[in-house]
């Protein structure tokens, strides 16, 4: 069979041409004002380029200090305030400490858990409504009910504080983007709650 004539296929490399050939007219020179893409200090071009942001940080649970958003300084009076949690009301504050590094609330739960008291580390308080005399805690009733039992004779001991602080620390799950606590720390879903969530809709055209 005869070899095809190269002139019949425009754009093909003729027989005997070098492996690489300059295009007709040569290569266009790069404008002097264009930055060298190989340079390490090349600044981003203008336009709709989003600014660089600092990588998000993770919030850390501080059991025995109030969050800044709570605005509870040393000497704040909150005894008698109602305590509201994620899923309702649990009682009133019977005793409170606002000392830095040793802040907590003792809550009289009344009939909710048979007249028992619970101790809430200061770090669980998300905010305070002084007008309505309410303190908001971002934990659920079940999480509080499952906490280490309050004992009026031992609740001030380091052993109990370490146990309680560790328990509540484990109930928090940190999320990216946290610069504080309010709205950035969320309780993990219980098995019942997770089971009640609707399934993720499937794409009808995968």
N, C-alpha and C. Protein backbone atom coordinates (compact mmCIF):
# COMPACT_ATOMS: atom_id res chain seq x y z
N UNK A 1 0.86 -1.18 0.00
CA UNK A 1 0.00 0.00 0.00
C UNK A 1 0.89 1.23 0.00
N UNK A 2 0.53 2.24 -0.83
CA UNK A 2 1.36 3.44 -0.93
C UNK A 2 1.23 4.27 0.35
N UNK A 3 2.33 4.92 0.74
CA UNK A 3 2.30 5.81 1.90
C UNK A 3 1.50 7.06 1.56
N UNK A 4 0.72 7.60 2.52
CA UNK A 4 -0.10 8.79 2.23
C UNK A 4 0.78 9.99 1.98
N UNK A 5 0.31 10.86 1.12
CA UNK A 5 1.00 12.10 0.83
C UNK A 5 0.80 13.05 2.00
N UNK A 6 1.90 13.55 2.62
CA UNK A 6 1.75 14.45 3.78
C UNK A 6 0.95 15.69 3.46
N UNK A 7 0.95 16.14 2.20
CA UNK A 7 0.23 17.36 1.87
C UNK A 7 -1.28 17.17 1.94
N UNK A 8 -1.71 15.88 1.99
CA UNK A 8 -3.15 15.61 2.06
C UNK A 8 -3.70 15.85 3.46
N UNK A 9 -2.87 15.94 4.48
CA UNK A 9 -3.31 16.09 5.87
C UNK A 9 -2.66 17.34 6.45
N UNK A 10 -3.23 18.47 6.23
CA UNK A 10 -2.65 19.72 6.73
C UNK A 10 -2.50 19.65 8.25
N UNK A 11 -1.43 20.22 8.75
CA UNK A 11 -1.21 20.26 10.18
C UNK A 11 -0.38 19.12 10.70
N UNK A 12 -0.15 18.08 9.88
CA UNK A 12 0.68 16.97 10.33
C UNK A 12 2.13 17.32 10.11
N UNK A 13 2.98 16.68 10.86
CA UNK A 13 4.41 16.94 10.75
C UNK A 13 4.94 16.18 9.56
N UNK A 14 5.59 16.87 8.62
CA UNK A 14 6.11 16.17 7.43
C UNK A 14 7.16 15.14 7.82
N UNK A 15 7.28 14.13 6.94
CA UNK A 15 8.29 13.10 7.16
C UNK A 15 9.68 13.74 7.16
N UNK A 16 10.45 13.36 8.17
CA UNK A 16 11.80 13.87 8.27
C UNK A 16 11.89 15.14 9.07
N UNK A 17 10.73 15.68 9.58
CA UNK A 17 10.78 16.89 10.39
C UNK A 17 11.30 16.55 11.77
N UNK A 18 11.91 17.50 12.48
CA UNK A 18 12.40 17.23 13.85
C UNK A 18 11.22 16.95 14.77
N UNK A 19 11.54 16.31 15.93
CA UNK A 19 10.48 15.93 16.87
C UNK A 19 9.72 17.15 17.38
N UNK A 20 10.40 18.27 17.56
CA UNK A 20 9.72 19.47 18.03
C UNK A 20 10.06 20.60 17.07
N UNK A 21 9.04 21.30 16.65
CA UNK A 21 9.25 22.40 15.71
C UNK A 21 8.56 23.64 16.22
N UNK A 22 9.19 24.79 16.04
CA UNK A 22 8.58 26.06 16.44
C UNK A 22 7.38 26.32 15.55
N UNK A 23 6.31 26.91 16.14
CA UNK A 23 5.14 27.24 15.31
C UNK A 23 5.49 28.35 14.35
N UNK A 24 4.74 28.47 13.27
CA UNK A 24 5.00 29.56 12.31
C UNK A 24 4.96 30.90 13.00
N UNK A 25 5.95 31.71 12.80
CA UNK A 25 6.01 33.02 13.42
C UNK A 25 6.68 33.01 14.77
N UNK A 26 7.01 31.80 15.32
CA UNK A 26 7.67 31.72 16.62
C UNK A 26 6.69 31.89 17.77
N UNK A 27 7.21 31.92 18.95
CA UNK A 27 6.41 32.04 20.16
C UNK A 27 6.24 33.51 20.53
N UNK A 28 5.05 33.87 21.05
CA UNK A 28 4.81 35.24 21.48
C UNK A 28 5.55 35.48 22.79
N UNK A 29 6.16 36.64 22.89
CA UNK A 29 6.90 36.99 24.11
C UNK A 29 5.92 37.35 25.21
N UNK A 30 6.25 36.96 26.48
CA UNK A 30 5.42 37.28 27.62
C UNK A 30 5.55 38.77 27.93
N UNK A 31 4.44 39.49 28.14
CA UNK A 31 4.52 40.92 28.45
C UNK A 31 5.40 41.15 29.67
N UNK A 32 6.11 42.26 29.65
CA UNK A 32 7.03 42.57 30.75
C UNK A 32 6.29 42.77 32.06
N UNK A 33 5.01 43.20 32.00
CA UNK A 33 4.26 43.48 33.23
C UNK A 33 3.70 42.23 33.87
N UNK A 34 3.69 41.12 33.16
CA UNK A 34 3.12 39.89 33.72
C UNK A 34 4.08 39.30 34.74
N UNK A 35 3.55 38.86 35.92
CA UNK A 35 4.44 38.28 36.93
C UNK A 35 4.94 36.92 36.49
N UNK A 36 6.11 36.61 36.97
CA UNK A 36 6.70 35.32 36.67
C UNK A 36 6.02 34.27 37.53
N UNK A 37 5.27 33.33 36.93
CA UNK A 37 4.55 32.35 37.76
C UNK A 37 5.47 31.46 38.56
N UNK A 38 6.74 31.40 38.20
CA UNK A 38 7.66 30.55 38.95
C UNK A 38 8.21 31.26 40.17
N UNK A 39 8.00 32.59 40.25
CA UNK A 39 8.55 33.33 41.39
C UNK A 39 7.73 33.02 42.63
N UNK A 40 8.39 32.83 43.75
CA UNK A 40 7.69 32.48 44.98
C UNK A 40 6.95 33.64 45.60
N UNK A 41 7.33 34.88 45.26
CA UNK A 41 6.71 36.03 45.88
C UNK A 41 5.64 36.67 45.00
N UNK A 42 5.13 35.91 44.04
CA UNK A 42 4.13 36.46 43.13
C UNK A 42 2.84 36.73 43.90
N UNK A 43 2.34 37.94 43.88
CA UNK A 43 1.12 38.30 44.59
C UNK A 43 -0.08 37.90 43.76
N UNK A 44 -1.24 37.57 44.41
CA UNK A 44 -2.43 37.20 43.63
C UNK A 44 -2.92 38.38 42.82
N UNK A 45 -3.44 38.10 41.62
CA UNK A 45 -3.95 39.14 40.76
C UNK A 45 -5.22 39.72 41.36
N UNK A 46 -5.61 40.91 40.89
CA UNK A 46 -6.81 41.55 41.40
C UNK A 46 -8.05 40.85 40.91
N UNK A 47 -9.19 41.36 41.33
CA UNK A 47 -10.44 40.75 40.92
C UNK A 47 -11.15 40.13 42.11
N UNK A 48 -12.07 39.21 41.86
CA UNK A 48 -12.85 38.60 42.92
C UNK A 48 -12.11 37.44 43.55
N UNK A 49 -10.97 37.72 44.11
CA UNK A 49 -10.19 36.68 44.78
C UNK A 49 -10.41 36.82 46.27
N UNK A 50 -10.97 35.80 46.94
CA UNK A 50 -11.24 35.93 48.37
C UNK A 50 -9.95 36.07 49.16
N UNK A 51 -9.97 36.88 50.23
CA UNK A 51 -8.77 37.04 51.04
C UNK A 51 -8.44 35.76 51.78
N UNK A 52 -7.19 35.58 52.08
CA UNK A 52 -6.76 34.41 52.85
C UNK A 52 -7.23 34.57 54.28
N UNK A 53 -7.70 33.49 54.88
CA UNK A 53 -8.18 33.53 56.26
C UNK A 53 -7.33 32.61 57.14
N UNK A 54 -7.25 32.99 58.40
CA UNK A 54 -6.53 32.15 59.35
C UNK A 54 -7.29 30.85 59.54
N UNK A 55 -6.61 29.72 59.56
CA UNK A 55 -7.32 28.44 59.75
C UNK A 55 -8.14 28.47 61.02
N UNK A 56 -9.34 27.84 61.00
CA UNK A 56 -10.20 27.86 62.18
C UNK A 56 -9.55 27.16 63.36
N UNK A 57 -9.94 27.61 64.55
CA UNK A 57 -9.43 27.01 65.77
C UNK A 57 -10.54 26.20 66.44
N UNK A 58 -10.17 25.43 67.41
CA UNK A 58 -11.14 24.64 68.14
C UNK A 58 -11.30 25.23 69.55
N UNK A 59 -12.55 25.34 70.00
CA UNK A 59 -12.79 25.83 71.34
C UNK A 59 -12.51 24.71 72.34
N UNK A 60 -12.03 25.08 73.50
CA UNK A 60 -11.71 24.11 74.53
C UNK A 60 -12.61 24.35 75.73
N UNK A 61 -13.20 23.30 76.26
CA UNK A 61 -14.11 23.41 77.39
C UNK A 61 -13.31 23.73 78.65
N UNK A 62 -13.68 24.84 79.30
CA UNK A 62 -13.05 25.26 80.55
C UNK A 62 -14.10 25.10 81.64
N UNK A 63 -14.02 24.01 82.38
CA UNK A 63 -15.09 23.64 83.30
C UNK A 63 -15.37 24.68 84.38
N UNK A 64 -14.35 25.25 84.97
CA UNK A 64 -14.54 26.02 86.20
C UNK A 64 -14.42 27.53 86.02
N UNK A 65 -14.60 27.99 84.79
CA UNK A 65 -14.66 29.43 84.52
C UNK A 65 -15.83 29.71 83.59
N UNK A 66 -16.51 30.83 83.84
CA UNK A 66 -17.63 31.21 82.97
C UNK A 66 -17.10 31.72 81.64
N UNK A 67 -17.85 31.52 80.61
CA UNK A 67 -17.50 32.05 79.29
C UNK A 67 -17.66 33.57 79.31
N UNK A 68 -16.96 34.22 78.43
CA UNK A 68 -17.04 35.68 78.35
C UNK A 68 -18.46 36.13 78.03
N UNK A 69 -19.16 35.37 77.18
CA UNK A 69 -20.52 35.75 76.78
C UNK A 69 -21.49 35.73 77.96
N UNK A 70 -21.19 34.93 78.98
CA UNK A 70 -22.08 34.85 80.14
C UNK A 70 -22.02 36.11 80.99
N UNK A 71 -20.90 36.82 80.95
CA UNK A 71 -20.73 38.07 81.70
C UNK A 71 -21.04 37.88 83.18
N UNK A 72 -20.48 36.84 83.75
CA UNK A 72 -20.62 36.59 85.18
C UNK A 72 -19.25 36.75 85.84
N UNK A 73 -19.04 37.92 86.39
CA UNK A 73 -17.76 38.18 87.04
C UNK A 73 -17.79 37.79 88.51
N UNK A 74 -16.66 37.94 89.16
CA UNK A 74 -16.55 37.63 90.59
C UNK A 74 -17.53 38.50 91.38
N UNK A 75 -18.37 37.85 92.17
CA UNK A 75 -19.33 38.57 92.99
C UNK A 75 -20.71 38.69 92.38
N UNK A 76 -20.91 38.17 91.17
CA UNK A 76 -22.25 38.23 90.57
C UNK A 76 -23.24 37.42 91.40
N UNK A 77 -24.43 37.96 91.54
CA UNK A 77 -25.47 37.29 92.33
C UNK A 77 -26.48 36.65 91.40
N UNK A 78 -26.56 35.32 91.43
CA UNK A 78 -27.50 34.61 90.57
C UNK A 78 -28.33 33.59 91.34
N UNK A 79 -28.19 33.55 92.65
CA UNK A 79 -28.99 32.62 93.46
C UNK A 79 -30.47 32.94 93.26
N UNK A 80 -31.26 31.89 93.01
CA UNK A 80 -32.68 32.05 92.76
C UNK A 80 -33.04 32.13 91.29
N UNK A 81 -32.04 32.26 90.39
CA UNK A 81 -32.32 32.30 88.96
C UNK A 81 -32.80 30.93 88.48
N UNK A 82 -33.72 30.93 87.52
CA UNK A 82 -34.15 29.70 86.88
C UNK A 82 -33.06 29.20 85.96
N UNK A 83 -32.94 27.88 85.85
CA UNK A 83 -31.93 27.28 84.97
C UNK A 83 -32.65 26.61 83.81
N UNK A 84 -32.35 27.09 82.61
CA UNK A 84 -32.92 26.54 81.39
C UNK A 84 -31.85 25.77 80.63
N UNK A 85 -32.19 24.56 80.20
CA UNK A 85 -31.26 23.75 79.43
C UNK A 85 -31.79 23.60 78.01
N UNK A 86 -31.11 22.81 77.20
CA UNK A 86 -31.47 22.67 75.79
C UNK A 86 -32.92 22.23 75.61
N UNK A 87 -33.39 21.37 76.49
CA UNK A 87 -34.73 20.80 76.31
C UNK A 87 -35.67 21.10 77.47
N UNK A 88 -35.51 22.24 78.12
CA UNK A 88 -36.47 22.61 79.15
C UNK A 88 -35.87 23.24 80.39
N UNK A 89 -36.67 23.27 81.43
CA UNK A 89 -36.32 23.89 82.72
C UNK A 89 -35.95 22.79 83.71
N UNK A 90 -34.91 23.01 84.51
CA UNK A 90 -34.51 21.95 85.45
C UNK A 90 -34.56 22.37 86.92
N UNK A 91 -34.73 23.65 87.21
CA UNK A 91 -34.79 24.06 88.61
C UNK A 91 -34.26 25.46 88.82
N UNK A 92 -33.93 25.77 90.08
CA UNK A 92 -33.41 27.08 90.43
C UNK A 92 -32.05 26.96 91.12
N UNK A 93 -31.28 28.02 91.00
CA UNK A 93 -29.94 28.02 91.59
C UNK A 93 -30.05 28.17 93.10
N UNK A 94 -29.47 27.23 93.82
CA UNK A 94 -29.49 27.23 95.27
C UNK A 94 -28.20 27.82 95.84
N UNK A 95 -27.12 27.65 95.07
CA UNK A 95 -25.82 28.16 95.51
C UNK A 95 -24.99 28.43 94.26
N UNK A 96 -24.11 29.43 94.33
CA UNK A 96 -23.30 29.75 93.16
C UNK A 96 -21.95 30.28 93.59
N UNK A 97 -20.95 29.96 92.79
CA UNK A 97 -19.61 30.51 92.98
C UNK A 97 -19.20 31.21 91.70
N UNK A 98 -18.63 32.41 91.84
CA UNK A 98 -18.14 33.13 90.68
C UNK A 98 -16.64 33.41 90.80
N UNK A 99 -15.96 32.66 91.66
CA UNK A 99 -14.53 32.82 91.80
C UNK A 99 -13.82 32.31 90.56
N UNK A 100 -12.84 33.05 90.07
CA UNK A 100 -12.10 32.64 88.88
C UNK A 100 -11.40 31.31 89.16
N UNK A 101 -11.62 30.36 88.26
CA UNK A 101 -11.01 29.04 88.40
C UNK A 101 -11.75 28.11 89.33
N UNK A 102 -12.83 28.60 89.96
CA UNK A 102 -13.60 27.78 90.89
C UNK A 102 -15.06 28.21 90.85
N UNK A 103 -15.61 28.32 89.65
CA UNK A 103 -16.98 28.80 89.49
C UNK A 103 -17.91 27.64 89.16
N UNK A 104 -19.08 27.66 89.76
CA UNK A 104 -20.04 26.57 89.54
C UNK A 104 -21.42 27.02 90.00
N UNK A 105 -22.42 26.19 89.70
CA UNK A 105 -23.79 26.42 90.15
C UNK A 105 -24.30 25.15 90.82
N UNK A 106 -24.95 25.30 91.95
CA UNK A 106 -25.66 24.19 92.57
C UNK A 106 -27.14 24.43 92.31
N UNK A 107 -27.77 23.49 91.61
CA UNK A 107 -29.16 23.67 91.19
C UNK A 107 -30.06 22.73 91.96
N UNK A 108 -31.09 23.30 92.57
CA UNK A 108 -32.13 22.51 93.24
C UNK A 108 -33.13 22.11 92.16
N UNK A 109 -33.16 20.82 91.84
CA UNK A 109 -34.00 20.35 90.73
C UNK A 109 -35.46 20.13 91.11
N UNK A 110 -35.78 20.25 92.41
CA UNK A 110 -37.17 20.06 92.82
C UNK A 110 -37.67 18.67 92.45
N UNK A 111 -38.89 18.56 91.92
CA UNK A 111 -39.45 17.24 91.61
C UNK A 111 -38.87 16.59 90.35
N UNK A 112 -38.04 17.34 89.59
CA UNK A 112 -37.54 16.79 88.33
C UNK A 112 -36.78 15.49 88.55
N UNK A 113 -35.83 15.49 89.48
CA UNK A 113 -35.15 14.23 89.83
C UNK A 113 -35.26 14.00 91.33
N UNK A 114 -36.50 14.03 91.79
CA UNK A 114 -36.85 13.65 93.16
C UNK A 114 -36.15 14.53 94.21
N UNK A 115 -36.15 15.84 93.95
CA UNK A 115 -35.65 16.76 94.95
C UNK A 115 -34.15 16.81 95.11
N UNK A 116 -33.41 16.15 94.22
CA UNK A 116 -31.95 16.16 94.34
C UNK A 116 -31.37 17.47 93.79
N UNK A 117 -30.14 17.71 94.17
CA UNK A 117 -29.41 18.85 93.63
C UNK A 117 -28.35 18.34 92.66
N UNK A 118 -27.98 19.20 91.73
CA UNK A 118 -26.91 18.88 90.79
C UNK A 118 -25.93 20.04 90.77
N UNK A 119 -24.70 19.72 90.50
CA UNK A 119 -23.68 20.76 90.38
C UNK A 119 -23.31 20.92 88.92
N UNK A 120 -23.38 22.14 88.43
CA UNK A 120 -23.04 22.44 87.04
C UNK A 120 -21.76 23.26 87.01
N UNK A 121 -20.72 22.78 86.34
CA UNK A 121 -19.52 23.59 86.17
C UNK A 121 -19.85 24.88 85.43
N UNK A 122 -19.15 25.95 85.75
CA UNK A 122 -19.43 27.25 85.14
C UNK A 122 -19.34 27.22 83.62
N UNK A 123 -18.49 26.36 83.07
CA UNK A 123 -18.29 26.31 81.63
C UNK A 123 -19.49 25.85 80.85
N UNK A 124 -20.50 25.30 81.52
CA UNK A 124 -21.70 24.85 80.82
C UNK A 124 -22.69 25.99 80.59
N UNK A 125 -22.47 27.13 81.23
CA UNK A 125 -23.39 28.27 81.11
C UNK A 125 -23.10 29.02 79.82
N UNK A 126 -24.11 29.17 78.97
CA UNK A 126 -23.91 29.86 77.70
C UNK A 126 -24.22 31.34 77.79
N UNK A 127 -25.27 31.71 78.50
CA UNK A 127 -25.59 33.13 78.67
C UNK A 127 -26.56 33.31 79.83
N UNK A 128 -26.77 34.59 80.20
CA UNK A 128 -27.60 34.92 81.35
C UNK A 128 -28.57 36.03 80.97
N UNK A 129 -29.82 35.88 81.38
CA UNK A 129 -30.82 36.93 81.21
C UNK A 129 -31.12 37.49 82.60
N UNK A 130 -30.53 38.64 82.90
CA UNK A 130 -30.68 39.21 84.23
C UNK A 130 -32.07 39.80 84.44
N UNK A 131 -32.70 40.25 83.36
CA UNK A 131 -34.03 40.82 83.49
C UNK A 131 -35.04 39.75 83.88
N UNK A 132 -34.99 38.61 83.18
CA UNK A 132 -35.91 37.50 83.46
C UNK A 132 -35.37 36.56 84.54
N UNK A 133 -34.16 36.83 84.99
CA UNK A 133 -33.50 36.00 86.01
C UNK A 133 -33.46 34.53 85.58
N UNK A 134 -32.84 34.34 84.42
CA UNK A 134 -32.68 33.00 83.88
C UNK A 134 -31.23 32.78 83.47
N UNK A 135 -30.75 31.58 83.73
CA UNK A 135 -29.42 31.18 83.28
C UNK A 135 -29.60 30.04 82.29
N UNK A 136 -28.90 30.13 81.16
CA UNK A 136 -29.04 29.13 80.10
C UNK A 136 -27.80 28.25 80.04
N UNK A 137 -28.06 26.97 80.05
CA UNK A 137 -27.00 25.95 80.02
C UNK A 137 -27.16 25.13 78.76
N UNK A 138 -26.08 24.95 78.00
CA UNK A 138 -26.20 24.24 76.71
C UNK A 138 -25.97 22.74 76.83
N UNK A 139 -26.60 22.14 77.82
CA UNK A 139 -26.62 20.68 77.99
C UNK A 139 -28.07 20.23 78.04
N UNK A 140 -28.28 18.94 77.83
CA UNK A 140 -29.64 18.39 77.87
C UNK A 140 -29.95 17.88 79.28
N UNK A 141 -31.24 17.66 79.52
CA UNK A 141 -31.65 17.12 80.83
C UNK A 141 -30.99 15.78 81.10
N UNK A 142 -30.94 14.93 80.07
CA UNK A 142 -30.37 13.61 80.27
C UNK A 142 -28.88 13.68 80.59
N UNK A 143 -28.16 14.57 79.91
CA UNK A 143 -26.74 14.71 80.19
C UNK A 143 -26.50 15.16 81.63
N UNK A 144 -27.36 16.06 82.11
CA UNK A 144 -27.22 16.53 83.49
C UNK A 144 -27.62 15.44 84.47
N UNK A 145 -28.66 14.71 84.15
CA UNK A 145 -29.11 13.63 85.03
C UNK A 145 -28.07 12.53 85.14
N UNK A 146 -27.30 12.31 84.07
CA UNK A 146 -26.29 11.25 84.05
C UNK A 146 -24.95 11.69 84.65
N UNK A 147 -24.85 12.93 85.07
CA UNK A 147 -23.58 13.44 85.61
C UNK A 147 -23.28 12.81 86.96
N UNK A 148 -22.02 12.83 87.41
CA UNK A 148 -21.67 12.28 88.73
C UNK A 148 -22.55 12.88 89.82
N UNK A 149 -23.06 12.05 90.68
CA UNK A 149 -24.04 12.47 91.68
C UNK A 149 -23.47 13.52 92.63
N UNK A 150 -24.29 14.50 92.92
CA UNK A 150 -23.90 15.57 93.83
C UNK A 150 -23.96 15.08 95.28
N UNK A 151 -22.89 15.34 96.01
CA UNK A 151 -22.83 14.99 97.42
C UNK A 151 -22.42 16.25 98.18
N UNK A 152 -23.29 16.77 99.06
CA UNK A 152 -22.97 18.02 99.77
C UNK A 152 -21.72 17.93 100.64
N UNK A 153 -21.29 16.72 100.95
CA UNK A 153 -20.11 16.56 101.80
C UNK A 153 -18.81 16.47 101.00
N UNK A 154 -18.90 16.15 99.71
CA UNK A 154 -17.68 15.93 98.94
C UNK A 154 -17.58 16.77 97.67
N UNK A 155 -18.59 17.61 97.39
CA UNK A 155 -18.57 18.31 96.09
C UNK A 155 -17.45 19.33 95.98
N UNK A 156 -16.83 19.70 97.09
CA UNK A 156 -15.72 20.64 97.02
C UNK A 156 -14.36 19.97 96.95
N UNK A 157 -14.33 18.66 96.91
CA UNK A 157 -13.04 17.96 96.88
C UNK A 157 -12.46 17.96 95.47
N UNK A 158 -11.13 17.97 95.35
CA UNK A 158 -10.51 17.93 94.02
C UNK A 158 -10.90 16.69 93.23
N UNK A 159 -11.10 15.56 93.92
CA UNK A 159 -11.44 14.32 93.22
C UNK A 159 -12.80 14.44 92.52
N UNK A 160 -13.78 14.99 93.23
CA UNK A 160 -15.10 15.14 92.63
C UNK A 160 -15.07 16.16 91.50
N UNK A 161 -14.36 17.27 91.71
CA UNK A 161 -14.28 18.30 90.68
C UNK A 161 -13.64 17.75 89.40
N UNK A 162 -12.59 16.97 89.57
CA UNK A 162 -11.92 16.40 88.39
C UNK A 162 -12.85 15.43 87.65
N UNK A 163 -13.58 14.64 88.43
CA UNK A 163 -14.51 13.67 87.83
C UNK A 163 -15.64 14.39 87.09
N UNK A 164 -16.20 15.43 87.72
CA UNK A 164 -17.32 16.15 87.12
C UNK A 164 -16.87 16.94 85.90
N UNK A 165 -15.73 17.61 86.03
CA UNK A 165 -15.21 18.38 84.90
C UNK A 165 -14.90 17.49 83.71
N UNK A 166 -14.34 16.30 83.98
CA UNK A 166 -14.05 15.36 82.90
C UNK A 166 -15.31 14.85 82.23
N UNK A 167 -16.35 14.61 83.04
CA UNK A 167 -17.62 14.12 82.48
C UNK A 167 -18.20 15.15 81.51
N UNK A 168 -18.31 16.39 81.95
CA UNK A 168 -18.91 17.41 81.08
C UNK A 168 -18.02 17.73 79.89
N UNK A 169 -16.72 17.66 80.07
CA UNK A 169 -15.83 17.87 78.94
C UNK A 169 -16.07 16.85 77.84
N UNK A 170 -16.38 15.62 78.24
CA UNK A 170 -16.63 14.57 77.25
C UNK A 170 -17.96 14.74 76.53
N UNK A 171 -18.89 15.51 77.12
CA UNK A 171 -20.20 15.68 76.46
C UNK A 171 -20.14 16.71 75.34
N UNK A 172 -19.04 17.45 75.28
CA UNK A 172 -18.93 18.48 74.24
C UNK A 172 -18.20 17.92 73.03
N UNK A 173 -18.66 18.34 71.86
CA UNK A 173 -17.96 18.03 70.63
C UNK A 173 -17.57 19.34 69.97
N UNK A 174 -16.27 19.56 69.77
CA UNK A 174 -15.83 20.82 69.17
C UNK A 174 -16.08 20.80 67.68
N UNK A 175 -16.36 21.98 67.11
CA UNK A 175 -16.58 22.13 65.68
C UNK A 175 -15.67 23.21 65.14
N UNK A 176 -15.27 23.09 63.86
CA UNK A 176 -14.37 24.10 63.30
C UNK A 176 -14.99 25.49 63.30
N UNK A 177 -14.13 26.46 63.38
CA UNK A 177 -14.59 27.84 63.30
C UNK A 177 -14.90 28.46 64.64
N UNK A 178 -14.62 27.76 65.71
CA UNK A 178 -14.96 28.26 67.03
C UNK A 178 -13.98 29.31 67.49
N UNK A 179 -14.48 30.48 67.86
CA UNK A 179 -13.65 31.49 68.48
C UNK A 179 -14.10 31.73 69.91
N UNK A 180 -15.20 31.13 70.27
CA UNK A 180 -15.71 31.19 71.63
C UNK A 180 -16.49 29.93 71.89
N UNK A 181 -17.52 30.02 72.71
CA UNK A 181 -18.29 28.83 73.00
C UNK A 181 -19.71 28.88 72.47
N UNK A 182 -20.39 30.02 72.68
CA UNK A 182 -21.81 30.07 72.34
C UNK A 182 -22.04 29.74 70.88
N UNK A 183 -22.82 28.72 70.64
CA UNK A 183 -23.15 28.35 69.28
C UNK A 183 -22.10 27.52 68.59
N UNK A 184 -20.96 27.27 69.29
CA UNK A 184 -19.92 26.50 68.62
C UNK A 184 -19.69 25.15 69.26
N UNK A 185 -20.26 24.92 70.40
CA UNK A 185 -20.11 23.64 71.06
C UNK A 185 -21.47 22.97 71.06
N UNK A 186 -21.55 21.76 70.59
CA UNK A 186 -22.85 21.11 70.46
C UNK A 186 -22.81 19.75 71.13
N UNK A 187 -23.92 19.36 71.80
CA UNK A 187 -23.96 18.04 72.40
C UNK A 187 -24.09 16.98 71.34
N UNK A 188 -23.43 15.84 71.51
CA UNK A 188 -23.58 14.77 70.51
C UNK A 188 -24.99 14.23 70.51
N UNK A 189 -25.46 13.76 69.37
CA UNK A 189 -26.80 13.18 69.28
C UNK A 189 -26.86 11.85 70.01
N UNK A 190 -27.96 11.65 70.73
CA UNK A 190 -28.17 10.35 71.33
C UNK A 190 -28.59 9.37 70.24
N UNK A 191 -28.58 8.08 70.57
CA UNK A 191 -28.96 7.07 69.58
C UNK A 191 -30.41 7.26 69.15
N UNK A 192 -31.28 7.65 70.13
CA UNK A 192 -32.69 7.86 69.79
C UNK A 192 -32.86 9.04 68.86
N UNK A 193 -32.13 10.13 69.17
CA UNK A 193 -32.25 11.33 68.34
C UNK A 193 -31.72 11.07 66.94
N UNK A 194 -30.59 10.37 66.86
CA UNK A 194 -30.01 10.08 65.56
C UNK A 194 -30.94 9.20 64.73
N UNK A 195 -31.64 8.26 65.40
CA UNK A 195 -32.53 7.36 64.69
C UNK A 195 -33.78 8.05 64.18
N UNK A 196 -34.13 9.20 64.82
CA UNK A 196 -35.34 9.90 64.41
C UNK A 196 -35.10 10.89 63.29
N UNK A 197 -33.82 11.09 62.93
CA UNK A 197 -33.52 12.05 61.87
C UNK A 197 -33.86 11.44 60.51
N UNK A 198 -34.40 12.26 59.59
CA UNK A 198 -34.75 11.72 58.26
C UNK A 198 -33.51 11.31 57.49
N UNK A 199 -33.67 10.30 56.63
CA UNK A 199 -32.55 9.86 55.81
C UNK A 199 -32.17 10.96 54.82
N UNK A 200 -30.91 10.98 54.45
CA UNK A 200 -30.44 11.95 53.46
C UNK A 200 -31.08 11.64 52.12
N UNK A 201 -31.74 12.63 51.48
CA UNK A 201 -32.39 12.37 50.18
C UNK A 201 -31.37 11.89 49.16
N UNK A 202 -31.76 10.92 48.37
CA UNK A 202 -30.87 10.39 47.35
C UNK A 202 -31.08 11.12 46.03
N UNK A 203 -30.02 11.23 45.28
CA UNK A 203 -30.08 11.88 43.97
C UNK A 203 -30.78 10.93 42.99
N UNK A 204 -31.92 11.35 42.41
CA UNK A 204 -32.62 10.45 41.48
C UNK A 204 -31.84 10.18 40.21
N UNK A 205 -30.86 11.06 39.92
CA UNK A 205 -30.04 10.88 38.72
C UNK A 205 -28.58 10.82 39.09
N UNK A 206 -28.14 9.72 39.70
CA UNK A 206 -26.73 9.64 40.14
C UNK A 206 -25.77 9.68 38.96
